[in-house]
C-alpha cells in the first residue's frame, strides 16, 4: 500500500511518499501553508496524482507527559478537515496518525551531517527540504512498526538513510 505522509506544521506541510509495497519512505515536497481549505485541496490532488491509498499525518505530541500543545490541536483539526474533504470527494482513504516528536530535529541533524545548513534546509521546497525529510522519518517509523507487527520474527527492513537513500556508513569499530 502506498502512503502519503504529512509532517504538519503551522507554516509548512512536509510531504513524503512510500514505495508501492509500503516498505520505504522518501521525502517528496514541502508546501507553504495557504489556509486549511486550500491545503486540504492540495493534499487531495497530490494523493490522487501519486496514487497513494492511505494518508499518515504526524501527531505533534508534547514532550511533557499528559500535556497537549497548540500544534496538536491544530493537527487534529486539519485531520478532521481532511476527513470531511475526502468524504465530499467520495474517496475512501484511511488516515493514520503517528507520533512525530523529534522528527524535525532528526532531519536537521541528518542535513548537518551532509553539510547542509538549517537555513538552506528550511528554504528548500522540494524533496530536500527539512519538512519533507521529517515527513519521511515519520513515515519510515510507521512503516517499520507495521512491518514488525506483520513480521514479528524479522528484523526491521529499514536499512537506508532517508536523507540520501544510501546504506548506512559503518566505521571500522562497528565490524
N, C-alpha and C. Protein backbone atom coordinates (compact mmCIF):
# COMPACT_ATOMS: atom_id res chain seq x y z
N UNK A 1 0.85 -1.18 0.00
CA UNK A 1 0.00 0.00 0.00
C UNK A 1 0.89 1.24 0.00
N UNK A 2 0.60 2.17 -0.85
CA UNK A 2 1.36 3.41 -0.93
C UNK A 2 0.75 4.46 0.00
N UNK A 3 1.61 5.03 0.85
CA UNK A 3 1.21 6.06 1.81
C UNK A 3 1.74 7.42 1.39
N UNK A 4 0.93 8.45 1.64
CA UNK A 4 1.38 9.83 1.57
C UNK A 4 1.41 10.31 3.01
N UNK A 5 2.57 10.78 3.46
CA UNK A 5 2.72 11.24 4.85
C UNK A 5 2.81 12.76 4.89
N UNK A 6 2.29 13.31 5.98
CA UNK A 6 2.28 14.76 6.18
C UNK A 6 2.94 15.08 7.52
N UNK A 7 3.99 15.89 7.45
CA UNK A 7 4.57 16.47 8.66
C UNK A 7 3.86 17.81 8.83
N UNK A 8 2.89 17.84 9.73
CA UNK A 8 2.05 19.03 9.91
C UNK A 8 2.81 20.11 10.67
N UNK A 9 2.76 21.32 10.13
CA UNK A 9 3.34 22.47 10.81
C UNK A 9 2.43 23.68 10.63
N UNK A 10 2.62 24.67 11.45
CA UNK A 10 1.79 25.86 11.37
C UNK A 10 2.11 26.70 10.13
N UNK A 11 3.34 26.61 9.62
CA UNK A 11 3.73 27.39 8.44
C UNK A 11 3.93 26.55 7.19
N UNK A 12 4.30 25.28 7.38
CA UNK A 12 4.59 24.42 6.24
C UNK A 12 4.06 23.01 6.48
N UNK A 13 3.83 22.31 5.36
CA UNK A 13 3.50 20.89 5.40
C UNK A 13 4.61 20.14 4.68
N UNK A 14 5.25 19.23 5.37
CA UNK A 14 6.24 18.37 4.72
C UNK A 14 5.53 17.12 4.23
N UNK A 15 5.87 16.69 3.02
CA UNK A 15 5.23 15.52 2.43
C UNK A 15 6.27 14.46 2.10
N UNK A 16 5.89 13.21 2.31
CA UNK A 16 6.73 12.07 1.95
C UNK A 16 5.83 11.01 1.35
N UNK A 17 6.42 10.13 0.56
CA UNK A 17 5.66 9.08 -0.09
C UNK A 17 6.38 7.74 0.13
N UNK A 18 5.60 6.69 0.24
CA UNK A 18 6.21 5.36 0.35
C UNK A 18 6.24 4.72 -1.03
N UNK A 19 7.02 3.66 -1.13
CA UNK A 19 7.01 2.87 -2.36
C UNK A 19 5.69 2.08 -2.40
N UNK A 20 5.44 1.41 -3.52
CA UNK A 20 4.18 0.67 -3.70
C UNK A 20 3.98 -0.41 -2.63
N UNK A 21 5.08 -1.01 -2.18
CA UNK A 21 4.96 -2.09 -1.21
C UNK A 21 4.77 -1.59 0.23
N UNK A 22 4.90 -0.27 0.43
CA UNK A 22 4.74 0.28 1.77
C UNK A 22 5.88 -0.10 2.69
N UNK A 23 7.10 -0.19 2.15
CA UNK A 23 8.26 -0.57 2.97
C UNK A 23 9.24 0.57 3.18
N UNK A 24 9.38 1.45 2.17
CA UNK A 24 10.39 2.50 2.25
C UNK A 24 9.79 3.87 1.99
N UNK A 25 10.23 4.85 2.76
CA UNK A 25 9.73 6.23 2.65
C UNK A 25 10.76 7.10 1.94
N UNK A 26 10.27 8.05 1.16
CA UNK A 26 11.12 9.04 0.51
C UNK A 26 10.52 10.42 0.69
N UNK A 27 11.37 11.42 0.93
CA UNK A 27 10.85 12.79 1.00
C UNK A 27 10.24 13.17 -0.35
N UNK A 28 9.19 13.96 -0.34
CA UNK A 28 8.53 14.34 -1.60
C UNK A 28 8.57 15.85 -1.84
N UNK A 29 8.01 16.64 -0.93
CA UNK A 29 7.93 18.09 -1.16
C UNK A 29 7.60 18.81 0.14
N UNK A 30 7.76 20.12 0.10
CA UNK A 30 7.35 21.00 1.19
C UNK A 30 6.36 21.99 0.61
N UNK A 31 5.24 22.16 1.29
CA UNK A 31 4.22 23.11 0.84
C UNK A 31 4.03 24.19 1.90
N UNK A 32 4.10 25.43 1.48
CA UNK A 32 3.79 26.55 2.38
C UNK A 32 2.30 26.50 2.68
N UNK A 33 1.92 26.74 3.92
CA UNK A 33 0.51 26.74 4.30
C UNK A 33 -0.20 27.92 3.64
N UNK A 34 -1.40 27.66 3.11
CA UNK A 34 -2.21 28.71 2.48
C UNK A 34 -3.62 28.76 3.07
N UNK A 35 -3.81 28.11 4.20
CA UNK A 35 -5.14 28.02 4.80
C UNK A 35 -5.62 26.59 4.69
N UNK A 36 -6.38 26.15 5.67
CA UNK A 36 -6.76 24.74 5.75
C UNK A 36 -7.49 24.26 4.51
N UNK A 37 -8.44 25.03 4.01
CA UNK A 37 -9.22 24.59 2.85
C UNK A 37 -8.32 24.38 1.63
N UNK A 38 -7.45 25.34 1.35
CA UNK A 38 -6.53 25.22 0.21
C UNK A 38 -5.52 24.09 0.44
N UNK A 39 -5.03 23.96 1.67
CA UNK A 39 -4.06 22.90 1.98
C UNK A 39 -4.67 21.52 1.79
N UNK A 40 -5.90 21.34 2.25
CA UNK A 40 -6.59 20.06 2.13
C UNK A 40 -6.83 19.73 0.65
N UNK A 41 -7.25 20.73 -0.12
CA UNK A 41 -7.47 20.51 -1.55
C UNK A 41 -6.16 20.09 -2.23
N UNK A 42 -5.06 20.73 -1.85
CA UNK A 42 -3.76 20.39 -2.41
C UNK A 42 -3.36 18.96 -2.04
N UNK A 43 -3.61 18.56 -0.82
CA UNK A 43 -3.29 17.20 -0.38
C UNK A 43 -4.08 16.18 -1.19
N UNK A 44 -5.35 16.45 -1.45
CA UNK A 44 -6.17 15.51 -2.22
C UNK A 44 -5.66 15.40 -3.65
N UNK A 45 -5.29 16.51 -4.26
CA UNK A 45 -4.73 16.48 -5.62
C UNK A 45 -3.43 15.67 -5.62
N UNK A 46 -2.58 15.90 -4.62
CA UNK A 46 -1.31 15.18 -4.52
C UNK A 46 -1.54 13.69 -4.29
N UNK A 47 -2.46 13.37 -3.41
CA UNK A 47 -2.81 11.98 -3.12
C UNK A 47 -3.23 11.25 -4.39
N UNK A 48 -4.10 11.87 -5.16
CA UNK A 48 -4.56 11.27 -6.42
C UNK A 48 -3.41 11.16 -7.42
N UNK A 49 -2.65 12.24 -7.54
CA UNK A 49 -1.56 12.27 -8.52
C UNK A 49 -0.49 11.22 -8.26
N UNK A 50 -0.21 10.95 -7.00
CA UNK A 50 0.82 9.97 -6.65
C UNK A 50 0.27 8.55 -6.52
N UNK A 51 -1.03 8.42 -6.56
CA UNK A 51 -1.64 7.10 -6.44
C UNK A 51 -1.55 6.52 -5.04
N UNK A 52 -1.52 7.38 -4.04
CA UNK A 52 -1.45 6.90 -2.65
C UNK A 52 -2.82 6.37 -2.23
N UNK A 53 -2.80 5.28 -1.45
CA UNK A 53 -4.04 4.67 -0.99
C UNK A 53 -4.34 4.97 0.47
N UNK A 54 -3.41 5.62 1.17
CA UNK A 54 -3.61 5.93 2.58
C UNK A 54 -2.80 7.17 2.94
N UNK A 55 -3.26 7.85 3.98
CA UNK A 55 -2.56 9.04 4.50
C UNK A 55 -2.03 8.74 5.89
N UNK A 56 -0.89 9.34 6.18
CA UNK A 56 -0.32 9.28 7.52
C UNK A 56 -0.03 10.72 7.92
N UNK A 57 -0.60 11.15 9.02
CA UNK A 57 -0.39 12.52 9.49
C UNK A 57 0.36 12.46 10.81
N UNK A 58 1.46 13.19 10.87
CA UNK A 58 2.25 13.25 12.09
C UNK A 58 1.47 13.92 13.20
N UNK A 59 1.57 13.36 14.38
CA UNK A 59 0.90 13.93 15.54
C UNK A 59 1.95 14.64 16.39
N UNK A 60 1.90 15.98 16.42
CA UNK A 60 2.90 16.74 17.20
C UNK A 60 2.58 16.69 18.69
N UNK A 61 3.09 15.67 19.35
CA UNK A 61 2.84 15.47 20.77
C UNK A 61 3.76 16.35 21.60
N UNK A 62 3.31 16.72 22.75
CA UNK A 62 4.13 17.48 23.69
C UNK A 62 5.19 16.55 24.26
N UNK A 63 6.36 17.10 24.55
CA UNK A 63 7.41 16.29 25.17
C UNK A 63 7.15 16.11 26.66
N UNK A 64 6.18 16.85 27.19
CA UNK A 64 5.82 16.69 28.60
C UNK A 64 4.59 15.80 28.70
N UNK A 65 4.74 14.74 29.44
CA UNK A 65 3.71 13.72 29.58
C UNK A 65 2.35 14.31 29.97
N UNK A 66 1.31 13.89 29.23
CA UNK A 66 -0.05 14.27 29.58
C UNK A 66 -0.48 15.66 29.11
N UNK A 67 0.39 16.40 28.46
CA UNK A 67 0.04 17.74 28.00
C UNK A 67 -0.11 17.76 26.49
N UNK A 68 -1.07 18.56 26.03
CA UNK A 68 -1.23 18.75 24.59
C UNK A 68 -0.93 20.21 24.29
N UNK A 69 -0.35 20.45 23.14
CA UNK A 69 0.00 21.80 22.75
C UNK A 69 -0.90 22.31 21.64
N UNK A 70 -0.68 23.56 21.25
CA UNK A 70 -1.47 24.18 20.19
C UNK A 70 -1.32 23.42 18.87
N UNK A 71 -0.10 22.95 18.59
CA UNK A 71 0.14 22.24 17.33
C UNK A 71 -0.67 20.96 17.25
N UNK A 72 -0.79 20.26 18.37
CA UNK A 72 -1.55 19.01 18.35
C UNK A 72 -3.03 19.28 18.05
N UNK A 73 -3.60 20.31 18.67
CA UNK A 73 -4.99 20.66 18.40
C UNK A 73 -5.19 21.10 16.96
N UNK A 74 -4.25 21.88 16.43
CA UNK A 74 -4.33 22.33 15.04
C UNK A 74 -4.22 21.14 14.09
N UNK A 75 -3.34 20.19 14.40
CA UNK A 75 -3.20 18.99 13.57
C UNK A 75 -4.48 18.16 13.61
N UNK A 76 -5.09 18.03 14.78
CA UNK A 76 -6.36 17.29 14.89
C UNK A 76 -7.44 17.95 14.03
N UNK A 77 -7.51 19.28 14.05
CA UNK A 77 -8.48 20.00 13.23
C UNK A 77 -8.19 19.81 11.74
N UNK A 78 -6.92 19.77 11.39
CA UNK A 78 -6.52 19.55 10.00
C UNK A 78 -6.98 18.16 9.54
N UNK A 79 -6.80 17.15 10.39
CA UNK A 79 -7.22 15.79 10.06
C UNK A 79 -8.74 15.75 9.88
N UNK A 80 -9.47 16.43 10.74
CA UNK A 80 -10.93 16.47 10.60
C UNK A 80 -11.33 17.10 9.26
N UNK A 81 -10.65 18.17 8.88
CA UNK A 81 -10.93 18.82 7.59
C UNK A 81 -10.59 17.87 6.44
N UNK A 82 -9.49 17.14 6.55
CA UNK A 82 -9.12 16.15 5.53
C UNK A 82 -10.19 15.06 5.41
N UNK A 83 -10.65 14.56 6.55
CA UNK A 83 -11.68 13.52 6.54
C UNK A 83 -12.95 14.02 5.83
N UNK A 84 -13.35 15.24 6.14
CA UNK A 84 -14.54 15.80 5.50
C UNK A 84 -14.36 15.99 4.00
N UNK A 85 -13.20 16.47 3.60
CA UNK A 85 -12.93 16.68 2.17
C UNK A 85 -12.85 15.36 1.41
N UNK A 86 -12.28 14.35 2.04
CA UNK A 86 -12.22 13.02 1.40
C UNK A 86 -13.62 12.45 1.22
N UNK A 87 -14.48 12.61 2.25
CA UNK A 87 -15.88 12.16 2.12
C UNK A 87 -16.57 12.90 0.99
N UNK A 88 -16.40 14.23 0.94
CA UNK A 88 -17.04 15.04 -0.10
C UNK A 88 -16.56 14.64 -1.49
N UNK A 89 -15.30 14.22 -1.60
CA UNK A 89 -14.75 13.79 -2.89
C UNK A 89 -15.04 12.31 -3.16
N UNK A 90 -15.77 11.67 -2.25
CA UNK A 90 -16.13 10.26 -2.34
C UNK A 90 -14.89 9.36 -2.46
N UNK A 91 -13.88 9.70 -1.66
CA UNK A 91 -12.66 8.90 -1.62
C UNK A 91 -12.61 8.16 -0.28
N UNK A 92 -12.39 6.87 -0.35
CA UNK A 92 -12.24 6.07 0.85
C UNK A 92 -10.75 5.87 1.08
N UNK A 93 -10.19 6.75 1.88
CA UNK A 93 -8.75 6.74 2.14
C UNK A 93 -8.55 6.75 3.66
N UNK A 94 -7.96 5.69 4.19
CA UNK A 94 -7.72 5.70 5.64
C UNK A 94 -6.68 6.74 6.02
N UNK A 95 -6.87 7.34 7.18
CA UNK A 95 -5.91 8.31 7.72
C UNK A 95 -5.38 7.75 9.03
N UNK A 96 -4.09 7.54 9.07
CA UNK A 96 -3.41 7.06 10.28
C UNK A 96 -2.72 8.26 10.93
N UNK A 97 -2.49 8.17 12.23
CA UNK A 97 -1.73 9.19 12.97
C UNK A 97 -0.49 8.53 13.53
N UNK A 98 0.61 9.29 13.63
CA UNK A 98 1.85 8.75 14.17
C UNK A 98 2.61 9.84 14.89
N UNK A 99 3.18 9.50 16.02
CA UNK A 99 3.94 10.45 16.84
C UNK A 99 5.12 11.00 16.03
N UNK A 100 5.19 12.32 15.94
CA UNK A 100 6.25 12.93 15.15
C UNK A 100 7.31 13.62 16.00
N UNK A 101 7.27 13.41 17.30
CA UNK A 101 8.25 14.06 18.17
C UNK A 101 9.67 13.83 17.68
N UNK A 102 10.43 14.92 17.64
CA UNK A 102 11.85 14.93 17.30
C UNK A 102 12.15 14.62 15.83
N UNK A 103 11.14 14.48 14.97
CA UNK A 103 11.41 14.17 13.57
C UNK A 103 12.13 15.34 12.87
N UNK A 104 11.73 16.57 13.15
CA UNK A 104 12.39 17.71 12.55
C UNK A 104 13.82 17.84 13.07
N UNK A 105 13.98 17.61 14.35
CA UNK A 105 15.33 17.66 14.92
C UNK A 105 16.23 16.60 14.28
N UNK A 106 15.71 15.41 14.09
CA UNK A 106 16.47 14.34 13.44
C UNK A 106 16.80 14.70 11.99
N UNK A 107 15.83 15.27 11.28
CA UNK A 107 16.06 15.67 9.88
C UNK A 107 17.13 16.76 9.81
N UNK A 108 17.09 17.72 10.72
CA UNK A 108 18.11 18.77 10.75
C UNK A 108 19.49 18.18 11.04
N UNK A 109 19.55 17.22 11.93
CA UNK A 109 20.81 16.55 12.23
C UNK A 109 21.37 15.82 11.02
N UNK A 110 20.51 15.16 10.27
CA UNK A 110 20.95 14.46 9.07
C UNK A 110 21.44 15.45 8.01
N UNK A 111 20.76 16.59 7.90
CA UNK A 111 21.21 17.61 6.95
C UNK A 111 22.60 18.13 7.33
N UNK A 112 22.80 18.39 8.62
CA UNK A 112 24.11 18.86 9.07
C UNK A 112 25.20 17.85 8.75
N UNK A 113 24.89 16.56 8.88
CA UNK A 113 25.87 15.51 8.59
C UNK A 113 26.35 15.55 7.15
N UNK A 114 25.48 16.00 6.24
CA UNK A 114 25.87 16.06 4.82
C UNK A 114 26.23 17.48 4.39
N UNK A 115 26.39 18.37 5.38
CA UNK A 115 26.89 19.72 5.09
C UNK A 115 25.86 20.72 4.63
N UNK A 116 24.59 20.50 4.93
CA UNK A 116 23.53 21.43 4.53
C UNK A 116 23.08 22.19 5.76
N UNK A 117 23.07 23.52 5.66
CA UNK A 117 22.70 24.35 6.80
C UNK A 117 21.20 24.27 7.07
N UNK A 118 20.83 24.61 8.31
CA UNK A 118 19.42 24.64 8.70
C UNK A 118 18.65 25.62 7.81
N UNK A 119 19.23 26.78 7.55
CA UNK A 119 18.56 27.79 6.72
C UNK A 119 18.29 27.25 5.32
N UNK A 120 19.29 26.65 4.72
CA UNK A 120 19.13 26.10 3.36
C UNK A 120 18.10 24.96 3.36
N UNK A 121 18.14 24.13 4.41
CA UNK A 121 17.18 23.04 4.50
C UNK A 121 15.75 23.52 4.65
N UNK A 122 15.56 24.62 5.35
CA UNK A 122 14.20 25.17 5.52
C UNK A 122 13.72 25.90 4.27
N UNK A 123 14.65 26.43 3.48
CA UNK A 123 14.28 27.17 2.27
C UNK A 123 13.92 26.25 1.11
N UNK A 124 14.39 25.01 1.14
CA UNK A 124 14.17 24.06 0.06
C UNK A 124 12.72 23.59 0.10
N UNK A 125 11.98 23.82 -0.98
CA UNK A 125 10.57 23.42 -1.02
C UNK A 125 10.38 22.07 -1.71
N UNK A 126 11.47 21.46 -2.13
CA UNK A 126 11.38 20.15 -2.78
C UNK A 126 11.62 19.01 -1.82
N UNK A 127 12.04 17.89 -2.37
CA UNK A 127 12.26 16.71 -1.54
C UNK A 127 13.46 16.86 -0.61
N UNK A 128 14.30 17.87 -0.86
CA UNK A 128 15.45 18.10 0.00
C UNK A 128 15.15 18.94 1.21
N UNK A 129 13.95 19.49 1.30
CA UNK A 129 13.58 20.36 2.41
C UNK A 129 13.47 19.60 3.72
N UNK A 130 13.78 20.30 4.80
CA UNK A 130 13.78 19.65 6.11
C UNK A 130 12.40 19.10 6.47
N UNK A 131 11.33 19.77 6.09
CA UNK A 131 10.00 19.28 6.44
C UNK A 131 9.63 18.02 5.65
N UNK A 132 10.07 17.92 4.39
CA UNK A 132 9.85 16.70 3.61
C UNK A 132 10.65 15.55 4.20
N UNK A 133 11.87 15.86 4.63
CA UNK A 133 12.71 14.83 5.25
C UNK A 133 12.11 14.38 6.59
N UNK A 134 11.56 15.32 7.34
CA UNK A 134 10.91 14.97 8.61
C UNK A 134 9.70 14.08 8.33
N UNK A 135 8.94 14.39 7.28
CA UNK A 135 7.79 13.55 6.91
C UNK A 135 8.26 12.14 6.56
N UNK A 136 9.40 12.02 5.88
CA UNK A 136 9.93 10.70 5.53
C UNK A 136 10.36 9.94 6.78
N UNK A 137 10.92 10.64 7.77
CA UNK A 137 11.31 9.99 9.02
C UNK A 137 10.07 9.47 9.75
N UNK A 138 9.03 10.29 9.79
CA UNK A 138 7.77 9.87 10.42
C UNK A 138 7.21 8.65 9.70
N UNK A 139 7.16 8.73 8.37
CA UNK A 139 6.59 7.64 7.58
C UNK A 139 7.41 6.36 7.73
N UNK A 140 8.75 6.48 7.72
CA UNK A 140 9.57 5.27 7.84
C UNK A 140 9.37 4.62 9.20
N UNK A 141 9.23 5.42 10.25
CA UNK A 141 8.96 4.85 11.58
C UNK A 141 7.65 4.08 11.59
N UNK A 142 6.63 4.65 10.97
CA UNK A 142 5.33 3.99 10.88
C UNK A 142 5.43 2.69 10.07
N UNK A 143 6.08 2.77 8.90
CA UNK A 143 6.20 1.59 8.04
C UNK A 143 6.97 0.48 8.74
N UNK A 144 8.04 0.84 9.44
CA UNK A 144 8.81 -0.16 10.18
C UNK A 144 7.96 -0.82 11.26
N UNK A 145 7.16 -0.02 11.96
CA UNK A 145 6.29 -0.57 13.00
C UNK A 145 5.25 -1.51 12.40
N UNK A 146 4.69 -1.14 11.24
CA UNK A 146 3.72 -2.00 10.57
C UNK A 146 4.36 -3.31 10.15
N UNK A 147 5.58 -3.22 9.60
CA UNK A 147 6.31 -4.42 9.18
C UNK A 147 6.57 -5.33 10.37
N UNK A 148 7.01 -4.76 11.49
CA UNK A 148 7.29 -5.54 12.69
C UNK A 148 6.02 -6.22 13.21
N UNK A 149 4.89 -5.51 13.12
CA UNK A 149 3.62 -6.07 13.57
C UNK A 149 3.24 -7.29 12.71
N UNK A 150 3.48 -7.18 11.40
CA UNK A 150 3.14 -8.26 10.48
C UNK A 150 4.19 -9.38 10.47
N UNK A 151 5.43 -9.05 10.84
CA UNK A 151 6.54 -10.00 10.79
C UNK A 151 7.34 -9.94 12.09
N UNK A 152 6.76 -10.42 13.19
CA UNK A 152 7.40 -10.22 14.49
C UNK A 152 8.77 -10.89 14.64
N UNK A 153 9.07 -11.88 13.85
CA UNK A 153 10.36 -12.58 13.97
C UNK A 153 11.44 -11.98 13.08
N UNK A 154 11.08 -11.05 12.20
CA UNK A 154 12.04 -10.48 11.25
C UNK A 154 12.64 -9.19 11.77
N UNK A 155 13.89 -8.91 11.38
CA UNK A 155 14.46 -7.61 11.72
C UNK A 155 13.80 -6.53 10.88
N UNK A 156 13.92 -5.30 11.31
CA UNK A 156 13.33 -4.18 10.58
C UNK A 156 13.89 -4.11 9.17
N UNK A 157 13.04 -3.83 8.17
CA UNK A 157 13.51 -3.73 6.79
C UNK A 157 14.24 -2.42 6.52
N UNK A 158 14.12 -1.48 7.43
CA UNK A 158 14.70 -0.16 7.20
C UNK A 158 16.21 -0.22 7.34
N UNK A 159 16.87 -0.19 6.20
CA UNK A 159 18.33 -0.27 6.23
C UNK A 159 18.93 0.77 5.29
N UNK A 160 18.28 1.94 5.22
CA UNK A 160 18.83 3.01 4.41
C UNK A 160 18.57 4.34 5.07
N UNK A 161 19.33 5.31 4.70
CA UNK A 161 19.25 6.66 5.24
C UNK A 161 18.18 7.41 4.45
N UNK A 162 17.12 7.93 5.10
CA UNK A 162 16.06 8.61 4.37
C UNK A 162 16.51 9.93 3.77
N UNK A 163 17.67 10.45 4.18
CA UNK A 163 18.16 11.70 3.60
C UNK A 163 18.82 11.45 2.26
N UNK A 164 19.70 10.46 2.20
CA UNK A 164 20.47 10.24 0.98
C UNK A 164 20.01 9.02 0.20
N UNK A 165 19.22 8.17 0.83
CA UNK A 165 18.80 6.94 0.19
C UNK A 165 19.90 5.89 0.17
N UNK A 166 21.02 6.18 0.81
CA UNK A 166 22.16 5.27 0.78
C UNK A 166 22.13 4.34 1.99
N UNK A 167 22.94 3.31 1.90
CA UNK A 167 23.08 2.41 3.03
C UNK A 167 23.82 3.13 4.14
N UNK A 168 23.62 2.74 5.38
CA UNK A 168 24.30 3.42 6.48
C UNK A 168 25.81 3.25 6.38
N UNK A 169 26.54 4.24 6.88
CA UNK A 169 28.00 4.17 6.92
C UNK A 169 28.41 3.34 8.13
N UNK A 170 29.41 2.52 7.95
CA UNK A 170 29.95 1.74 9.06
C UNK A 170 31.39 2.14 9.29
N UNK A 171 31.71 2.32 10.52
CA UNK A 171 33.09 2.64 10.91
C UNK A 171 33.79 1.33 11.20
N UNK A 172 35.14 1.28 11.06
CA UNK A 172 35.87 0.03 11.33
C UNK A 172 35.57 -0.56 12.72
N UNK A 173 35.24 0.27 13.68
CA UNK A 173 34.96 -0.24 15.03
C UNK A 173 33.62 -0.96 15.09
N UNK A 174 32.77 -0.77 14.05
CA UNK A 174 31.45 -1.43 14.03
C UNK A 174 31.55 -2.88 13.55
N UNK A 175 32.64 -3.24 12.93
CA UNK A 175 32.75 -4.59 12.33
C UNK A 175 33.16 -5.63 13.32
